Amino acid sequence: MSNPLRDPRDRRIPRVAEPSVVIMFGVTGDLARKKLLPAIYDLANRGLLPPGFSLIGFSRSATVCGSSPASSPTTRRSTGWPR
């Protein structure tokens, strides 16, 4: 049984997203740390991000909560996000 509310000519749902980039300003801020980064991590963990997805973060401060950026769980440049 098909969904009666969905137009059969609509082809948006089965398509795979193209590579994309999210640029986040204020990546060391409270909103990014508590909401945005966990949400992006969850999408990556469930495999819902496109294969060529990249996240670029900018901040005025050089550290995350007093620790070095290399120890941050969001620093995954060399290994990539776990799948």
PDB file of N, CA and C in Angstrom:
ATOM      1  N   MET A   1       0.846  -1.175   0.000  1.00  0.00           N
ATOM      2  CA  MET A   1       0.000   0.000   0.000  1.00  0.00           C
ATOM      3  C   MET A   1       0.895   1.242   0.000  1.00  0.00           C
ATOM      4  N   SER A   2       0.612   2.159  -0.889  1.00  0.00           N
ATOM      5  CA  SER A   2       1.433   3.370  -0.978  1.00  0.00           C
ATOM      6  C   SER A   2       0.794   4.501  -0.179  1.00  0.00           C
ATOM      7  N   ASN A   3       1.583   5.504   0.103  1.00  0.00           N
ATOM      8  CA  ASN A   3       1.128   6.667   0.842  1.00  0.00           C
ATOM      9  C   ASN A   3       0.244   7.524  -0.071  1.00  0.00           C
ATOM     10  N   PRO A   4      -1.021   7.763   0.298  1.00  0.00           N
ATOM     11  CA  PRO A   4      -1.899   8.550  -0.575  1.00  0.00           C
ATOM     12  C   PRO A   4      -1.540  10.035  -0.600  1.00  0.00           C
ATOM     13  N   LEU A   5      -0.758  10.502   0.357  1.00  0.00           N
ATOM     14  CA  LEU A   5      -0.387  11.912   0.409  1.00  0.00           C
ATOM     15  C   LEU A   5       0.868  12.214  -0.405  1.00  0.00           C
ATOM     16  N   ARG A   6       1.562  11.195  -0.841  1.00  0.00           N
ATOM     17  CA  ARG A   6       2.799  11.395  -1.587  1.00  0.00           C
ATOM     18  C   ARG A   6       2.524  11.349  -3.086  1.00  0.00           C
ATOM     19  N   ASP A   7       3.020  12.328  -3.782  1.00  0.00           N
ATOM     20  CA  ASP A   7       2.860  12.389  -5.230  1.00  0.00           C
ATOM     21  C   ASP A   7       3.793  11.351  -5.862  1.00  0.00           C
ATOM     22  N   PRO A   8       3.295  10.467  -6.705  1.00  0.00           N
ATOM     23  CA  PRO A   8       4.163   9.432  -7.297  1.00  0.00           C
ATOM     24  C   PRO A   8       5.247  10.012  -8.208  1.00  0.00           C
ATOM     25  N   ARG A   9       5.104  11.263  -8.650  1.00  0.00           N
ATOM     26  CA  ARG A   9       6.124  11.893  -9.496  1.00  0.00           C
ATOM     27  C   ARG A   9       7.262  12.497  -8.672  1.00  0.00           C
ATOM     28  N   ASP A  10       7.104  12.532  -7.341  1.00  0.00           N
ATOM     29  CA  ASP A  10       8.129  13.119  -6.471  1.00  0.00           C
ATOM     30  C   ASP A  10       9.307  12.160  -6.343  1.00  0.00           C
ATOM     31  N   ARG A  11      10.468  12.592  -6.810  1.00  0.00           N
ATOM     32  CA  ARG A  11      11.665  11.734  -6.800  1.00  0.00           C
ATOM     33  C   ARG A  11      12.716  12.225  -5.814  1.00  0.00           C
ATOM     34  N   ARG A  12      12.332  13.080  -4.871  1.00  0.00           N
ATOM     35  CA  ARG A  12      13.323  13.641  -3.944  1.00  0.00           C
ATOM     36  C   ARG A  12      13.779  12.642  -2.892  1.00  0.00           C
ATOM     37  N   ILE A  13      12.935  11.799  -2.403  1.00  0.00           N
ATOM     38  CA  ILE A  13      13.266  10.928  -1.282  1.00  0.00           C
ATOM     39  C   ILE A  13      14.305   9.858  -1.626  1.00  0.00           C
ATOM     40  N   PRO A  14      14.203   9.132  -2.742  1.00  0.00           N
ATOM     41  CA  PRO A  14      15.186   8.071  -2.980  1.00  0.00           C
ATOM     42  C   PRO A  14      16.569   8.545  -3.418  1.00  0.00           C
ATOM     43  N   ARG A  15      16.743   9.815  -3.720  1.00  0.00           N
ATOM     44  CA  ARG A  15      18.047  10.281  -4.196  1.00  0.00           C
ATOM     45  C   ARG A  15      19.068  10.340  -3.066  1.00  0.00           C
ATOM     46  N   VAL A  16      20.326  10.122  -3.405  1.00  0.00           N
ATOM     47  CA  VAL A  16      21.430  10.220  -2.453  1.00  0.00           C
ATOM     48  C   VAL A  16      21.975  11.647  -2.510  1.00  0.00           C
ATOM     49  N   ALA A  17      22.225  12.215  -1.340  1.00  0.00           N
ATOM     50  CA  ALA A  17      22.741  13.577  -1.288  1.00  0.00           C
ATOM     51  C   ALA A  17      24.163  13.641  -1.824  1.00  0.00           C
ATOM     52  N   GLU A  18      24.483  14.754  -2.443  1.00  0.00           N
ATOM     53  CA  GLU A  18      25.827  14.970  -2.955  1.00  0.00           C
ATOM     54  C   GLU A  18      26.749  15.381  -1.808  1.00  0.00           C
ATOM     55  N   PRO A  19      28.064  15.350  -2.020  1.00  0.00           N
ATOM     56  CA  PRO A  19      28.974  15.805  -0.967  1.00  0.00           C
ATOM     57  C   PRO A  19      28.645  17.228  -0.539  1.00  0.00           C
ATOM     58  N   SER A  20      28.769  17.477   0.751  1.00  0.00           N
ATOM     59  CA  SER A  20      28.438  18.796   1.279  1.00  0.00           C
ATOM     60  C   SER A  20      29.417  19.183   2.383  1.00  0.00           C
ATOM     61  N   VAL A  21      29.414  20.477   2.684  1.00  0.00           N
ATOM     62  CA  VAL A  21      30.277  21.033   3.721  1.00  0.00           C
ATOM     63  C   VAL A  21      29.429  21.892   4.643  1.00  0.00           C
ATOM     64  N   VAL A  22      29.616  21.736   5.935  1.00  0.00           N
ATOM     65  CA  VAL A  22      28.991  22.610   6.926  1.00  0.00           C
ATOM     66  C   VAL A  22      30.110  23.430   7.549  1.00  0.00           C
ATOM     67  N   ILE A  23      29.957  24.742   7.477  1.00  0.00           N
ATOM     68  CA  ILE A  23      30.927  25.642   8.099  1.00  0.00           C
ATOM     69  C   ILE A  23      30.272  26.215   9.339  1.00  0.00           C
ATOM     70  N   MET A  24      30.881  25.956  10.483  1.00  0.00           N
ATOM     71  CA  MET A  24      30.311  26.366  11.754  1.00  0.00           C
ATOM     72  C   MET A  24      31.195  27.435  12.388  1.00  0.00           C
ATOM     73  N   PHE A  25      30.631  28.609  12.602  1.00  0.00           N
ATOM     74  CA  PHE A  25      31.340  29.693  13.278  1.00  0.00           C
ATOM     75  C   PHE A  25      30.998  29.617  14.759  1.00  0.00           C
ATOM     76  N   GLY A  26      32.000  29.775  15.605  1.00  0.00           N
ATOM     77  CA  GLY A  26      31.790  29.666  17.044  1.00  0.00           C
ATOM     78  C   GLY A  26      31.686  28.229  17.503  1.00  0.00           C
ATOM     79  N   VAL A  27      32.537  27.387  16.955  1.00  0.00           N
ATOM     80  CA  VAL A  27      32.454  25.952  17.225  1.00  0.00           C
ATOM     81  C   VAL A  27      32.793  25.605  18.679  1.00  0.00           C
ATOM     82  N   THR A  28      33.471  26.477  19.396  1.00  0.00           N
ATOM     83  CA  THR A  28      33.778  26.211  20.805  1.00  0.00           C
ATOM     84  C   THR A  28      32.705  26.748  21.728  1.00  0.00           C
ATOM     85  N   GLY A  29      31.651  27.318  21.183  1.00  0.00           N
ATOM     86  CA  GLY A  29      30.586  27.890  21.998  1.00  0.00           C
ATOM     87  C   GLY A  29      29.672  26.850  22.595  1.00  0.00           C
ATOM     88  N   ASP A  30      28.802  27.321  23.462  1.00  0.00           N
ATOM     89  CA  ASP A  30      27.893  26.461  24.205  1.00  0.00           C
ATOM     90  C   ASP A  30      26.892  25.764  23.277  1.00  0.00           C
ATOM     91  N   LEU A  31      26.315  26.491  22.335  1.00  0.00           N
ATOM     92  CA  LEU A  31      25.335  25.904  21.424  1.00  0.00           C
ATOM     93  C   LEU A  31      25.952  24.800  20.576  1.00  0.00           C
ATOM     94  N   ALA A  32      27.130  25.064  20.046  1.00  0.00           N
ATOM     95  CA  ALA A  32      27.797  24.052  19.225  1.00  0.00           C
ATOM     96  C   ALA A  32      28.149  22.822  20.051  1.00  0.00           C
ATOM     97  N   ARG A  33      28.662  23.041  21.237  1.00  0.00           N
ATOM     98  CA  ARG A  33      29.108  21.927  22.080  1.00  0.00           C
ATOM     99  C   ARG A  33      27.945  21.076  22.580  1.00  0.00           C
ATOM    100  N   LYS A  34      26.828  21.716  22.921  1.00  0.00           N
ATOM    101  CA  LYS A  34      25.716  20.969  23.520  1.00  0.00           C
ATOM    102  C   LYS A  34      24.685  20.469  22.515  1.00  0.00           C
ATOM    103  N   LYS A  35      24.537  21.161  21.382  1.00  0.00           N
ATOM    104  CA  LYS A  35      23.469  20.796  20.454  1.00  0.00           C
ATOM    105  C   LYS A  35      23.955  20.421  19.056  1.00  0.00           C
ATOM    106  N   LEU A  36      24.725  21.314  18.428  1.00  0.00           N
ATOM    107  CA  LEU A  36      25.060  21.128  17.012  1.00  0.00           C
ATOM    108  C   LEU A  36      26.014  19.961  16.774  1.00  0.00           C
ATOM    109  N   LEU A  37      27.118  19.917  17.507  1.00  0.00           N
ATOM    110  CA  LEU A  37      28.088  18.836  17.285  1.00  0.00           C
ATOM    111  C   LEU A  37      27.526  17.461  17.651  1.00  0.00           C
ATOM    112  N   PRO A  38      26.792  17.319  18.777  1.00  0.00           N
ATOM    113  CA  PRO A  38      26.188  16.005  19.035  1.00  0.00           C
ATOM    114  C   PRO A  38      25.174  15.588  17.967  1.00  0.00           C
ATOM    115  N   ALA A  39      24.432  16.557  17.411  1.00  0.00           N
ATOM    116  CA  ALA A  39      23.467  16.215  16.367  1.00  0.00           C
ATOM    117  C   ALA A  39      24.170  15.758  15.087  1.00  0.00           C
ATOM    118  N   ILE A  40      25.240  16.445  14.713  1.00  0.00           N
ATOM    119  CA  ILE A  40      25.990  16.042  13.520  1.00  0.00           C
ATOM    120  C   ILE A  40      26.666  14.695  13.753  1.00  0.00           C
ATOM    121  N   TYR A  41      27.185  14.486  14.943  1.00  0.00           N
ATOM    122  CA  TYR A  41      27.799  13.192  15.265  1.00  0.00           C
ATOM    123  C   TYR A  41      26.761  12.067  15.184  1.00  0.00           C
ATOM    124  N   ASP A  42      25.555  12.331  15.681  1.00  0.00           N
ATOM    125  CA  ASP A  42      24.506  11.317  15.635  1.00  0.00           C
ATOM    126  C   ASP A  42      24.129  10.984  14.195  1.00  0.00           C
ATOM    127  N   LEU A  43      24.024  11.996  13.351  1.00  0.00           N
ATOM    128  CA  LEU A  43      23.736  11.743  11.935  1.00  0.00           C
ATOM    129  C   LEU A  43      24.836  10.908  11.286  1.00  0.00           C
ATOM    130  N   ALA A  44      26.087  11.236  11.611  1.00  0.00           N
ATOM    131  CA  ALA A  44      27.210  10.465  11.054  1.00  0.00           C
ATOM    132  C   ALA A  44      27.210   9.034  11.579  1.00  0.00           C
ATOM    133  N   ASN A  45      26.906   8.874  12.850  1.00  0.00           N
ATOM    134  CA  ASN A  45      26.906   7.553  13.466  1.00  0.00           C
ATOM    135  C   ASN A  45      25.823   6.658  12.865  1.00  0.00           C
ATOM    136  N   ARG A  46      24.697   7.234  12.476  1.00  0.00           N
ATOM    137  CA  ARG A  46      23.609   6.470  11.865  1.00  0.00           C
ATOM    138  C   ARG A  46      23.765   6.329  10.360  1.00  0.00           C
ATOM    139  N   GLY A  47      24.832   6.920   9.797  1.00  0.00           N
ATOM    140  CA  GLY A  47      25.087   6.800   8.365  1.00  0.00           C
ATOM    141  C   GLY A  47      24.185   7.660   7.506  1.00  0.00           C
ATOM    142  N   LEU A  48      23.672   8.763   8.050  1.00  0.00           N
ATOM    143  CA  LEU A  48      22.743   9.611   7.320  1.00  0.00           C
ATOM    144  C   LEU A  48      23.407  10.804   6.640  1.00  0.00           C
ATOM    145  N   LEU A  49      24.713  10.925   6.769  1.00  0.00           N
ATOM    146  CA  LEU A  49      25.426  11.994   6.080  1.00  0.00           C
ATOM    147  C   LEU A  49      26.001  11.455   4.774  1.00  0.00           C
ATOM    148  N   PRO A  50      26.123  12.309   3.753  1.00  0.00           N
ATOM    149  CA  PRO A  50      26.693  11.825   2.490  1.00  0.00           C
ATOM    150  C   PRO A  50      28.157  11.436   2.664  1.00  0.00           C
ATOM    151  N   PRO A  51      28.664  10.566   1.813  1.00  0.00           N
ATOM    152  CA  PRO A  51      30.045  10.093   1.954  1.00  0.00           C
ATOM    153  C   PRO A  51      31.083  11.207   1.914  1.00  0.00           C
ATOM    154  N   GLY A  52      30.852  12.256   1.176  1.00  0.00           N
ATOM    155  CA  GLY A  52      31.827  13.337   1.074  1.00  0.00           C
ATOM    156  C   GLY A  52      31.570  14.476   2.030  1.00  0.00           C
ATOM    157  N   PHE A  53      30.883  14.244   3.144  1.00  0.00           N
ATOM    158  CA  PHE A  53      30.544  15.304   4.098  1.00  0.00           C
ATOM    159  C   PHE A  53      31.785  15.811   4.820  1.00  0.00           C
ATOM    160  N   SER A  54      31.867  17.128   4.976  1.00  0.00           N
ATOM    161  CA  SER A  54      32.966  17.749   5.722  1.00  0.00           C
ATOM    162  C   SER A  54      32.389  18.765   6.696  1.00  0.00           C
ATOM    163  N   LEU A  55      33.036  18.897   7.833  1.00  0.00           N
ATOM    164  CA  LEU A  55      32.659  19.884   8.839  1.00  0.00           C
ATOM    165  C   LEU A  55      33.869  20.759   9.106  1.00  0.00           C
ATOM    166  N   ILE A  56      33.697  22.058   8.925  1.00  0.00           N
ATOM    167  CA  ILE A  56      34.770  23.017   9.182  1.00  0.00           C
ATOM    168  C   ILE A  56      34.308  23.915  10.315  1.00  0.00           C
ATOM    169  N   GLY A  57      35.108  24.024  11.350  1.00  0.00           N
ATOM    170  CA  GLY A  57      34.745  24.848  12.499  1.00  0.00           C
ATOM    171  C   GLY A  57      35.728  25.979  12.706  1.00  0.00           C
ATOM    172  N   PHE A  58      35.193  27.153  13.002  1.00  0.00           N
ATOM    173  CA  PHE A  58      36.007  28.332  13.304  1.00  0.00           C
ATOM    174  C   PHE A  58      35.680  28.816  14.703  1.00  0.00           C
ATOM    175  N   SER A  59      36.702  29.347  15.364  1.00  0.00           N
ATOM    176  CA  SER A  59      36.516  29.866  16.708  1.00  0.00           C
ATOM    177  C   SER A  59      37.533  30.958  16.982  1.00  0.00           C
ATOM    178  N   ARG A  60      37.176  31.849  17.892  1.00  0.00           N
ATOM    179  CA  ARG A  60      38.140  32.873  18.293  1.00  0.00           C
ATOM    180  C   ARG A  60      39.163  32.300  19.270  1.00  0.00           C
ATOM    181  N   SER A  61      38.755  31.326  20.068  1.00  0.00           N
ATOM    182  CA  SER A  61      39.686  30.724  21.024  1.00  0.00           C
ATOM    183  C   SER A  61      40.359  29.517  20.389  1.00  0.00           C
ATOM    184  N   ALA A  62      41.538  29.196  20.884  1.00  0.00           N
ATOM    185  CA  ALA A  62      42.314  28.093  20.318  1.00  0.00           C
ATOM    186  C   ALA A  62      42.062  26.775  21.028  1.00  0.00           C
ATOM    187  N   THR A  63      41.377  26.778  22.152  1.00  0.00           N
ATOM    188  CA  THR A  63      41.163  25.545  22.905  1.00  0.00           C
ATOM    189  C   THR A  63      39.683  25.301  23.141  1.00  0.00           C
ATOM    190  N   VAL A  64      39.369  24.049  23.431  1.00  0.00           N
ATOM    191  CA  VAL A  64      38.006  23.656  23.747  1.00  0.00           C
ATOM    192  C   VAL A  64      37.946  23.343  25.230  1.00  0.00           C
ATOM    193  N   CYS A  65      37.306  24.180  26.008  1.00  0.00           N
ATOM    194  CA  CYS A  65      37.133  23.975  27.460  1.00  0.00           C
ATOM    195  C   CYS A  65      38.460  23.742  28.171  1.00  0.00           C
ATOM    196  N   GLY A  66      39.493  24.437  27.784  1.00  0.00           N
ATOM    197  CA  GLY A  66      40.782  24.327  28.458  1.00  0.00           C
ATOM    198  C   GLY A  66      41.633  23.164  28.008  1.00  0.00           C
ATOM    199  N   SER A  67      41.158  22.352  27.075  1.00  0.00           N
ATOM    200  CA  SER A  67      41.957  21.232  26.583  1.00  0.00           C
ATOM    201  C   SER A  67      42.455  21.554  25.191  1.00  0.00           C
ATOM    202  N   SER A  68      43.375  20.756  24.717  1.00  0.00           N
ATOM    203  CA  SER A  68      43.900  20.995  23.375  1.00  0.00           C
ATOM    204  C   SER A  68      42.884  20.535  22.339  1.00  0.00           C
ATOM    205  N   PRO A  69      42.830  21.190  21.182  1.00  0.00           N
ATOM    206  CA  PRO A  69      41.884  20.768  20.151  1.00  0.00           C
ATOM    207  C   PRO A  69      42.102  19.340  19.672  1.00  0.00           C
ATOM    208  N   ALA A  70      43.325  18.838  19.749  1.00  0.00           N
ATOM    209  CA  ALA A  70      43.595  17.474  19.291  1.00  0.00           C
ATOM    210  C   ALA A  70      42.918  16.432  20.169  1.00  0.00           C
ATOM    211  N   SER A  71      42.642  16.768  21.440  1.00  0.00           N
ATOM    212  CA  SER A  71      41.997  15.804  22.322  1.00  0.00           C
ATOM    213  C   SER A  71      40.483  15.884  22.256  1.00  0.00           C
ATOM    214  N   SER A  72      39.944  16.811  21.503  1.00  0.00           N
ATOM    215  CA  SER A  72      38.501  16.958  21.370  1.00  0.00           C
ATOM    216  C   SER A  72      37.934  15.786  20.577  1.00  0.00           C
ATOM    217  N   PRO A  73      36.766  15.276  20.982  1.00  0.00           N
ATOM    218  CA  PRO A  73      36.169  14.178  20.221  1.00  0.00           C
ATOM    219  C   PRO A  73      35.710  14.598  18.838  1.00  0.00           C
ATOM    220  N   THR A  74      35.669  15.903  18.570  1.00  0.00           N
ATOM    221  CA  THR A  74      35.224  16.355  17.250  1.00  0.00           C
ATOM    222  C   THR A  74      36.370  16.524  16.281  1.00  0.00           C
ATOM    223  N   THR A  75      37.607  16.319  16.737  1.00  0.00           N
ATOM    224  CA  THR A  75      38.764  16.429  15.844  1.00  0.00           C
ATOM    225  C   THR A  75      38.983  15.067  15.197  1.00  0.00           C
ATOM    226  N   ARG A  76      38.468  14.891  14.002  1.00  0.00           N
ATOM    227  CA  ARG A  76      38.529  13.599  13.318  1.00  0.00           C
ATOM    228  C   ARG A  76      39.083  13.745  11.922  1.00  0.00           C
ATOM    229  N   ARG A  77      40.011  14.663  11.712  1.00  0.00           N
ATOM    230  CA  ARG A  77      40.503  14.933  10.357  1.00  0.00           C
ATOM    231  C   ARG A  77      41.212  13.722   9.769  1.00  0.00           C
ATOM    232  N   SER A  78      42.069  13.073  10.543  1.00  0.00           N
ATOM    233  CA  SER A  78      42.859  11.992   9.971  1.00  0.00           C
ATOM    234  C   SER A  78      42.105  10.668   9.904  1.00  0.00           C
ATOM    235  N   THR A  79      41.236  10.400  10.868  1.00  0.00           N
ATOM    236  CA  THR A  79      40.584   9.097  10.902  1.00  0.00           C
ATOM    237  C   THR A  79      39.182   9.109  10.321  1.00  0.00           C
ATOM    238  N   GLY A  80      38.540  10.265  10.241  1.00  0.00           N
ATOM    239  CA  GLY A  80      37.173  10.325   9.748  1.00  0.00           C
ATOM    240  C   GLY A  80      36.188   9.935  10.830  1.00  0.00           C
ATOM    241  N   TRP A  81      34.924  10.109  10.550  1.00  0.00           N
ATOM    242  CA  TRP A  81      33.874   9.764  11.516  1.00  0.00           C
ATOM    243  C   TRP A  81      33.677   8.257  11.510  1.00  0.00           C
ATOM    244  N   PRO A  82      33.445   7.685  12.687  1.00  0.00           N
ATOM    245  CA  PRO A  82      33.178   6.238  12.730  1.00  0.00           C
ATOM    246  C   PRO A  82      31.833   5.930  12.088  1.00  0.00           C
ATOM    247  N   ARG A  83      31.732   4.822  11.418  1.00  0.00           N
ATOM    248  CA  ARG A  83      30.480   4.410  10.767  1.00  0.00           C
ATOM    249  C   ARG A  83      29.974   3.137  11.380  1.00  0.00           C
TER     250      ARG A  83
END
